[in-house]
Every structure is written in structure tokens, then in C-alpha cells.
């Protein structure tokens, strides 16, 4: 999965979750940051610049009230592999989900996630967005969760983690749902407002060629 597809999903995810939270008070309030912001946050803290992400962060604070969310998601692409980190405001935890578990601790993805937490805390403190210290959150959450059976579905597993984790329990799923996600995301890409192509023509060409 490339960055554009994941970015579209994140946009869709945030719109749908905001709507669900407004109509169902029992539903978990979730928000996902963009691929661009996450890519900045996983940088070495010595090279991280808050000015590169502060505009997006302020928009998220104002439009989505992220300090009142239950789960803040960060889709991470690192060394051509997708994983995700969740700041669990509901249980004051840091949850991480990787569909290919590393063979040992301290790998590059773990380092990227640690950088993300450190840099996000700097950003949050600079903007005074939260009244708590994220660096004091404990790393926890499920350790037994679905893993990908191949070498190419990591992006879709990130989507499934974000959809199925409620802050405490990861609802079980398997790769059988991935073809469905492929179809939904393909449709969203074609019909997205920023797509200037005539999607009806695209469907017609696909049908009759």
C-alpha cells in the first residue's frame, strides 16, 4: 500500500469516526494522524522540528478536539513496512501493532515508535494541548493479535487494527476481509472529491474494454 492510499483511508477514517461519535455516545472516539505527520514524528528527536507539523496538529486540536479522544492512531511506514502506534488516552497506555513481529526487541520499527512518542510529547507540551504527560504512559495492550500470512498486506492489517481495537481488546479478524478493504479503498480513490478524472468514464472503460 502506498502513502496516497493510506492518506485517503485516514481522511475517511476520521470523518466516519467523528460522525459515529456524534450519534453514538458509547462508541470509542478515534482519530488518526496523517502519513505525513507520522513520518515527521518518527524522525530522530535531534532532527525533529515542530514547525513542520504544528499547523496540522493545531487543526486536529481545533476541529477534532483530540485531547478528548479515546484513541489517537499513527499509521507508520518505515523501511517499506507499515505498522501502527496508538496513544491510548482511555487507559493511559501506548499500544503498538505490527503485523510482522520483530525477531528481537530494539528493532528499527520499535525505535521509530519511541521517536514518535518523544516527539509527539514535545509537540503537545509546546502547544499545551494536553494536561497530562504522555511519556509517563505505560507500554501495554494486546500482545496476541492477528498477523499477516504474507509479505505484502501490512498496510491493510494497519487498517484492520485501527478498525478493530477498542482500547483494551483487539477483535479477532483474518485476511479474508482484506479483499473487501481493497474494493472499498479503490472506490474511494476513484470517487474522491480531489480526483479530477471522470470516474463514470473510468468505470465504463473498465467495463467495456
C-alpha atoms as a PDB file:
ATOM      1  CA  UNK A   1       0.000   0.000   0.000  1.00  0.00           C
ATOM      2  CA  UNK A   2       1.390   3.423  -0.897  1.00  0.00           C
ATOM      3  CA  UNK A   3       1.161   6.647   1.095  1.00  0.00           C
ATOM      4  CA  UNK A   4      -1.658   8.103  -1.021  1.00  0.00           C
ATOM      5  CA  UNK A   5      -3.953   5.172  -0.384  1.00  0.00           C
ATOM      6  CA  UNK A   6      -3.270   5.236   3.359  1.00  0.00           C
ATOM      7  CA  UNK A   7      -3.786   9.014   3.424  1.00  0.00           C
ATOM      8  CA  UNK A   8      -7.180   8.614   1.800  1.00  0.00           C
ATOM      9  CA  UNK A   9      -8.120   5.946   4.306  1.00  0.00           C
ATOM     10  CA  UNK A  10      -7.057   8.192   7.224  1.00  0.00           C
ATOM     11  CA  UNK A  11      -9.241  11.011   5.913  1.00  0.00           C
ATOM     12  CA  UNK A  12     -12.188   8.638   5.544  1.00  0.00           C
ATOM     13  CA  UNK A  13     -11.498   7.100   8.981  1.00  0.00           C
ATOM     14  CA  UNK A  14     -11.596  10.477  10.720  1.00  0.00           C
ATOM     15  CA  UNK A  15     -14.781  11.654   9.012  1.00  0.00           C
ATOM     16  CA  UNK A  16     -16.611   8.411   9.763  1.00  0.00           C
ATOM     17  CA  UNK A  17     -15.456   8.220  13.374  1.00  0.00           C
ATOM     18  CA  UNK A  18     -16.420  11.822  14.057  1.00  0.00           C
ATOM     19  CA  UNK A  19     -19.907  11.079  12.718  1.00  0.00           C
ATOM     20  CA  UNK A  20     -20.222   7.868  14.737  1.00  0.00           C
ATOM     21  CA  UNK A  21     -19.118   9.586  17.950  1.00  0.00           C
ATOM     22  CA  UNK A  22     -21.726  12.307  17.441  1.00  0.00           C
ATOM     23  CA  UNK A  23     -24.554   9.791  17.028  1.00  0.00           C
ATOM     24  CA  UNK A  24     -23.454   7.059  19.447  1.00  0.00           C
ATOM     25  CA  UNK A  25     -22.049   8.173  22.803  1.00  0.00           C
ATOM     26  CA  UNK A  26     -20.933   4.618  23.630  1.00  0.00           C
ATOM     27  CA  UNK A  27     -18.696   4.364  20.588  1.00  0.00           C
ATOM     28  CA  UNK A  28     -14.932   4.808  21.026  1.00  0.00           C
ATOM     29  CA  UNK A  29     -13.719   8.213  19.885  1.00  0.00           C
ATOM     30  CA  UNK A  30     -10.829   7.652  17.464  1.00  0.00           C
ATOM     31  CA  UNK A  31      -8.595   9.950  15.444  1.00  0.00           C
ATOM     32  CA  UNK A  32      -5.728   9.147  13.068  1.00  0.00           C
ATOM     33  CA  UNK A  33      -2.919  11.483  12.099  1.00  0.00           C
ATOM     34  CA  UNK A  34      -1.763  11.773   8.506  1.00  0.00           C
ATOM     35  CA  UNK A  35       1.053   9.763   6.991  1.00  0.00           C
ATOM     36  CA  UNK A  36       2.993  12.998   6.508  1.00  0.00           C
ATOM     37  CA  UNK A  37       2.759  13.930  10.180  1.00  0.00           C
ATOM     38  CA  UNK A  38       3.653  10.454  11.335  1.00  0.00           C
ATOM     39  CA  UNK A  39       6.668  10.417   9.007  1.00  0.00           C
ATOM     40  CA  UNK A  40       7.895  13.613  10.656  1.00  0.00           C
ATOM     41  CA  UNK A  41       7.245  12.315  14.170  1.00  0.00           C
ATOM     42  CA  UNK A  42       9.325   9.150  13.735  1.00  0.00           C
ATOM     43  CA  UNK A  43      12.441  11.176  12.959  1.00  0.00           C
ATOM     44  CA  UNK A  44      15.391  11.237  15.316  1.00  0.00           C
ATOM     45  CA  UNK A  45      14.363  13.711  18.079  1.00  0.00           C
ATOM     46  CA  UNK A  46      17.555  15.664  17.400  1.00  0.00           C
ATOM     47  CA  UNK A  47      16.278  16.376  13.864  1.00  0.00           C
ATOM     48  CA  UNK A  48      12.571  16.831  14.639  1.00  0.00           C
ATOM     49  CA  UNK A  49      11.152  20.330  14.076  1.00  0.00           C
ATOM     50  CA  UNK A  50       7.713  21.144  15.482  1.00  0.00           C
ATOM     51  CA  UNK A  51       7.240  23.801  12.804  1.00  0.00           C
ATOM     52  CA  UNK A  52       6.921  21.024  10.202  1.00  0.00           C
ATOM     53  CA  UNK A  53       3.763  19.608  11.793  1.00  0.00           C
ATOM     54  CA  UNK A  54       2.356  22.252  14.097  1.00  0.00           C
ATOM     55  CA  UNK A  55      -0.253  23.508  11.616  1.00  0.00           C
ATOM     56  CA  UNK A  56      -1.752  20.052  11.135  1.00  0.00           C
ATOM     57  CA  UNK A  57      -1.626  19.440  14.886  1.00  0.00           C
ATOM     58  CA  UNK A  58      -3.484  22.667  15.668  1.00  0.00           C
ATOM     59  CA  UNK A  59      -6.161  21.842  13.087  1.00  0.00           C
ATOM     60  CA  UNK A  60      -6.600  18.420  14.698  1.00  0.00           C
ATOM     61  CA  UNK A  61      -6.932  20.052  18.123  1.00  0.00           C
ATOM     62  CA  UNK A  62      -9.481  22.614  16.948  1.00  0.00           C
ATOM     63  CA  UNK A  63     -11.536  20.526  14.508  1.00  0.00           C
ATOM     64  CA  UNK A  64     -11.479  17.142  16.213  1.00  0.00           C
ATOM     65  CA  UNK A  65     -10.756  18.018  19.880  1.00  0.00           C
ATOM     66  CA  UNK A  66      -8.105  15.310  20.041  1.00  0.00           C
ATOM     67  CA  UNK A  67      -7.423  15.823  23.767  1.00  0.00           C
ATOM     68  CA  UNK A  68     -10.902  14.383  24.370  1.00  0.00           C
ATOM     69  CA  UNK A  69     -10.422  11.389  22.106  1.00  0.00           C
ATOM     70  CA  UNK A  70     -10.061   7.835  23.402  1.00  0.00           C
ATOM     71  CA  UNK A  71      -7.544   6.554  20.852  1.00  0.00           C
ATOM     72  CA  UNK A  72      -5.024   8.510  18.768  1.00  0.00           C
ATOM     73  CA  UNK A  73      -3.642   6.491  15.850  1.00  0.00           C
ATOM     74  CA  UNK A  74      -0.411   6.895  13.908  1.00  0.00           C
ATOM     75  CA  UNK A  75      -0.003   4.812  10.720  1.00  0.00           C
ATOM     76  CA  UNK A  76       3.756   4.350  10.329  1.00  0.00           C
ATOM     77  CA  UNK A  77       5.597   3.389   7.171  1.00  0.00           C
ATOM     78  CA  UNK A  78       9.229   2.593   7.856  1.00  0.00           C
ATOM     79  CA  UNK A  79      11.637   0.720   5.596  1.00  0.00           C
ATOM     80  CA  UNK A  80       8.732  -0.122   3.247  1.00  0.00           C
ATOM     81  CA  UNK A  81       6.708  -1.730   6.034  1.00  0.00           C
ATOM     82  CA  UNK A  82       3.517  -0.488   7.700  1.00  0.00           C
ATOM     83  CA  UNK A  83       2.781  -0.705  11.419  1.00  0.00           C
ATOM     84  CA  UNK A  84       0.790   1.484  13.769  1.00  0.00           C
ATOM     85  CA  UNK A  85       1.122   3.112  17.164  1.00  0.00           C
ATOM     86  CA  UNK A  86      -1.818   4.125  19.336  1.00  0.00           C
ATOM     87  CA  UNK A  87      -1.771   6.679  22.151  1.00  0.00           C
ATOM     88  CA  UNK A  88      -4.489   5.207  24.319  1.00  0.00           C
ATOM     89  CA  UNK A  89      -5.920   8.134  26.279  1.00  0.00           C
ATOM     90  CA  UNK A  90      -8.646   5.859  27.640  1.00  0.00           C
ATOM     91  CA  UNK A  91      -6.230   3.706  29.635  1.00  0.00           C
ATOM     92  CA  UNK A  92      -3.096   5.920  29.678  1.00  0.00           C
ATOM     93  CA  UNK A  93      -1.164   3.442  27.565  1.00  0.00           C
ATOM     94  CA  UNK A  94       0.976   3.278  24.467  1.00  0.00           C
ATOM     95  CA  UNK A  95      -0.173   0.422  22.234  1.00  0.00           C
ATOM     96  CA  UNK A  96       1.771  -0.758  19.188  1.00  0.00           C
ATOM     97  CA  UNK A  97       0.685  -3.175  16.480  1.00  0.00           C
ATOM     98  CA  UNK A  98       2.970  -4.725  13.888  1.00  0.00           C
ATOM     99  CA  UNK A  99       1.660  -7.463  11.593  1.00  0.00           C
ATOM    100  CA  UNK A 100       5.164  -8.944  11.351  1.00  0.00           C
ATOM    101  CA  UNK A 101       6.525  -9.172  14.871  1.00  0.00           C
ATOM    102  CA  UNK A 102      10.268  -8.493  15.039  1.00  0.00           C
ATOM    103  CA  UNK A 103      12.515 -11.384  15.964  1.00  0.00           C
ATOM    104  CA  UNK A 104      14.089  -9.336  18.754  1.00  0.00           C
ATOM    105  CA  UNK A 105      13.444  -6.182  20.752  1.00  0.00           C
ATOM    106  CA  UNK A 106      15.028  -2.876  19.867  1.00  0.00           C
ATOM    107  CA  UNK A 107      14.494  -3.108  16.109  1.00  0.00           C
ATOM    108  CA  UNK A 108      14.193  -0.148  13.780  1.00  0.00           C
ATOM    109  CA  UNK A 109      10.368  -0.081  13.919  1.00  0.00           C
ATOM    110  CA  UNK A 110      10.447  -0.030  17.717  1.00  0.00           C
ATOM    111  CA  UNK A 111      12.946   2.843  17.575  1.00  0.00           C
ATOM    112  CA  UNK A 112      10.678   4.719  15.158  1.00  0.00           C
ATOM    113  CA  UNK A 113       7.733   4.313  17.545  1.00  0.00           C
ATOM    114  CA  UNK A 114       9.807   5.507  20.501  1.00  0.00           C
ATOM    115  CA  UNK A 115      10.844   8.579  18.492  1.00  0.00           C
ATOM    116  CA  UNK A 116       7.186   9.217  17.686  1.00  0.00           C
ATOM    117  CA  UNK A 117       6.166   9.265  21.359  1.00  0.00           C
ATOM    118  CA  UNK A 118       9.091  11.503  22.316  1.00  0.00           C
ATOM    119  CA  UNK A 119       8.437  13.987  19.508  1.00  0.00           C
ATOM    120  CA  UNK A 120       4.665  13.980  19.975  1.00  0.00           C
ATOM    121  CA  UNK A 121       5.157  14.813  23.648  1.00  0.00           C
ATOM    122  CA  UNK A 122       7.371  17.762  22.692  1.00  0.00           C
ATOM    123  CA  UNK A 123       4.687  18.974  20.278  1.00  0.00           C
ATOM    124  CA  UNK A 124       1.892  18.528  22.823  1.00  0.00           C
ATOM    125  CA  UNK A 125       3.803  20.429  25.507  1.00  0.00           C
ATOM    126  CA  UNK A 126       4.775  23.243  23.168  1.00  0.00           C
ATOM    127  CA  UNK A 127       1.135  23.792  22.199  1.00  0.00           C
ATOM    128  CA  UNK A 128      -0.214  22.980  25.689  1.00  0.00           C
ATOM    129  CA  UNK A 129      -2.698  20.631  24.055  1.00  0.00           C
ATOM    130  CA  UNK A 130      -2.866  18.097  26.884  1.00  0.00           C
ATOM    131  CA  UNK A 131      -2.917  18.383  30.670  1.00  0.00           C
ATOM    132  CA  UNK A 132      -1.000  15.119  31.131  1.00  0.00           C
ATOM    133  CA  UNK A 133       2.477  13.786  30.344  1.00  0.00           C
ATOM    134  CA  UNK A 134       2.349  11.209  27.560  1.00  0.00           C
ATOM    135  CA  UNK A 135       5.885   9.993  28.337  1.00  0.00           C
ATOM    136  CA  UNK A 136       4.526   8.597  31.615  1.00  0.00           C
ATOM    137  CA  UNK A 137       2.060   6.339  29.782  1.00  0.00           C
ATOM    138  CA  UNK A 138       2.911   2.660  30.113  1.00  0.00           C
ATOM    139  CA  UNK A 139       3.511   0.457  27.087  1.00  0.00           C
ATOM    140  CA  UNK A 140       0.859  -2.242  27.132  1.00  0.00           C
ATOM    141  CA  UNK A 141      -2.200  -3.660  25.428  1.00  0.00           C
ATOM    142  CA  UNK A 142      -2.746  -6.880  23.496  1.00  0.00           C
ATOM    143  CA  UNK A 143       0.279  -8.967  22.591  1.00  0.00           C
ATOM    144  CA  UNK A 144      -1.632 -11.738  20.836  1.00  0.00           C
ATOM    145  CA  UNK A 145      -3.305 -10.249  17.771  1.00  0.00           C
ATOM    146  CA  UNK A 146      -3.687 -11.243  14.086  1.00  0.00           C
ATOM    147  CA  UNK A 147      -0.533 -11.406  11.969  1.00  0.00           C
ATOM    148  CA  UNK A 148      -0.243 -11.201   8.197  1.00  0.00           C
ATOM    149  CA  UNK A 149       0.298 -14.520   6.366  1.00  0.00           C
ATOM    150  CA  UNK A 150       2.320 -12.966   3.531  1.00  0.00           C
ATOM    151  CA  UNK A 151       4.808 -10.187   2.768  1.00  0.00           C
ATOM    152  CA  UNK A 152       2.509  -7.582   1.217  1.00  0.00           C
ATOM    153  CA  UNK A 153      -0.627  -6.953   3.312  1.00  0.00           C
ATOM    154  CA  UNK A 154       0.920  -4.903   6.148  1.00  0.00           C
ATOM    155  CA  UNK A 155      -0.944  -1.717   5.172  1.00  0.00           C
ATOM    156  CA  UNK A 156      -4.296  -3.456   5.237  1.00  0.00           C
ATOM    157  CA  UNK A 157      -3.521  -5.002   8.611  1.00  0.00           C
ATOM    158  CA  UNK A 158      -2.864  -1.490   9.961  1.00  0.00           C
ATOM    159  CA  UNK A 159      -6.346  -0.523   8.774  1.00  0.00           C
ATOM    160  CA  UNK A 160      -7.849  -3.588  10.443  1.00  0.00           C
ATOM    161  CA  UNK A 161      -6.031  -2.849  13.715  1.00  0.00           C
ATOM    162  CA  UNK A 162      -7.397   0.689  13.730  1.00  0.00           C
ATOM    163  CA  UNK A 163     -10.896  -0.526  12.986  1.00  0.00           C
ATOM    164  CA  UNK A 164     -10.990  -3.405  15.471  1.00  0.00           C
ATOM    165  CA  UNK A 165      -9.135  -2.230  18.599  1.00  0.00           C
ATOM    166  CA  UNK A 166     -11.397  -0.697  21.259  1.00  0.00           C
ATOM    167  CA  UNK A 167      -8.661   0.430  23.609  1.00  0.00           C
ATOM    168  CA  UNK A 168      -8.474  -2.822  25.518  1.00  0.00           C
ATOM    169  CA  UNK A 169      -9.390  -5.724  23.245  1.00  0.00           C
ATOM    170  CA  UNK A 170      -8.486  -6.407  19.629  1.00  0.00           C
ATOM    171  CA  UNK A 171     -11.459  -8.010  17.942  1.00  0.00           C
ATOM    172  CA  UNK A 172     -10.312 -11.063  16.062  1.00  0.00           C
ATOM    173  CA  UNK A 173     -10.111 -10.894  12.276  1.00  0.00           C
ATOM    174  CA  UNK A 174      -8.236 -12.603   9.474  1.00  0.00           C
ATOM    175  CA  UNK A 175      -7.042 -11.881   5.969  1.00  0.00           C
ATOM    176  CA  UNK A 176     -10.421 -12.848   4.493  1.00  0.00           C
ATOM    177  CA  UNK A 177     -11.599  -9.270   4.973  1.00  0.00           C
ATOM    178  CA  UNK A 178      -8.755  -7.723   3.003  1.00  0.00           C
ATOM    179  CA  UNK A 179     -10.330  -8.116  -0.479  1.00  0.00           C
ATOM    180  CA  UNK A 180     -13.298  -6.125   0.845  1.00  0.00           C
ATOM    181  CA  UNK A 181     -10.996  -3.326   2.020  1.00  0.00           C
ATOM    182  CA  UNK A 182      -9.258  -3.327  -1.354  1.00  0.00           C
ATOM    183  CA  UNK A 183     -12.580  -2.759  -3.131  1.00  0.00           C
ATOM    184  CA  UNK A 184     -13.709  -0.034  -0.716  1.00  0.00           C
ATOM    185  CA  UNK A 185     -10.435   1.869  -0.925  1.00  0.00           C
ATOM    186  CA  UNK A 186     -10.322   1.565  -4.715  1.00  0.00           C
ATOM    187  CA  UNK A 187     -13.835   3.022  -4.920  1.00  0.00           C
ATOM    188  CA  UNK A 188     -12.943   5.840  -2.538  1.00  0.00           C
ATOM    189  CA  UNK A 189      -9.843   6.712  -4.554  1.00  0.00           C
ATOM    190  CA  UNK A 190     -11.812   6.898  -7.795  1.00  0.00           C
ATOM    191  CA  UNK A 191     -14.763   8.863  -6.370  1.00  0.00           C
ATOM    192  CA  UNK A 192     -12.767  11.094  -4.022  1.00  0.00           C
ATOM    193  CA  UNK A 193     -13.511  14.846  -4.479  1.00  0.00           C
ATOM    194  CA  UNK A 194      -9.856  15.607  -5.210  1.00  0.00           C
ATOM    195  CA  UNK A 195      -9.848  13.168  -8.134  1.00  0.00           C
ATOM    196  CA  UNK A 196     -10.307  15.256 -11.283  1.00  0.00           C
ATOM    197  CA  UNK A 197     -10.835  12.268 -13.556  1.00  0.00           C
ATOM    198  CA  UNK A 198     -14.326  11.355 -14.735  1.00  0.00           C
ATOM    199  CA  UNK A 199     -14.853   8.249 -12.611  1.00  0.00           C
ATOM    200  CA  UNK A 200     -18.008   7.236 -14.511  1.00  0.00           C
ATOM    201  CA  UNK A 201     -15.904   7.134 -17.669  1.00  0.00           C
ATOM    202  CA  UNK A 202     -13.276   5.069 -15.865  1.00  0.00           C
ATOM    203  CA  UNK A 203     -15.905   2.517 -14.847  1.00  0.00           C
ATOM    204  CA  UNK A 204     -17.290   2.492 -18.401  1.00  0.00           C
ATOM    205  CA  UNK A 205     -13.857   1.896 -19.922  1.00  0.00           C
ATOM    206  CA  UNK A 206     -13.137  -0.853 -17.414  1.00  0.00           C
ATOM    207  CA  UNK A 207     -16.463  -2.496 -18.189  1.00  0.00           C
ATOM    208  CA  UNK A 208     -16.373  -2.413 -21.981  1.00  0.00           C
ATOM    209  CA  UNK A 209     -12.699  -2.749 -22.922  1.00  0.00           C
END
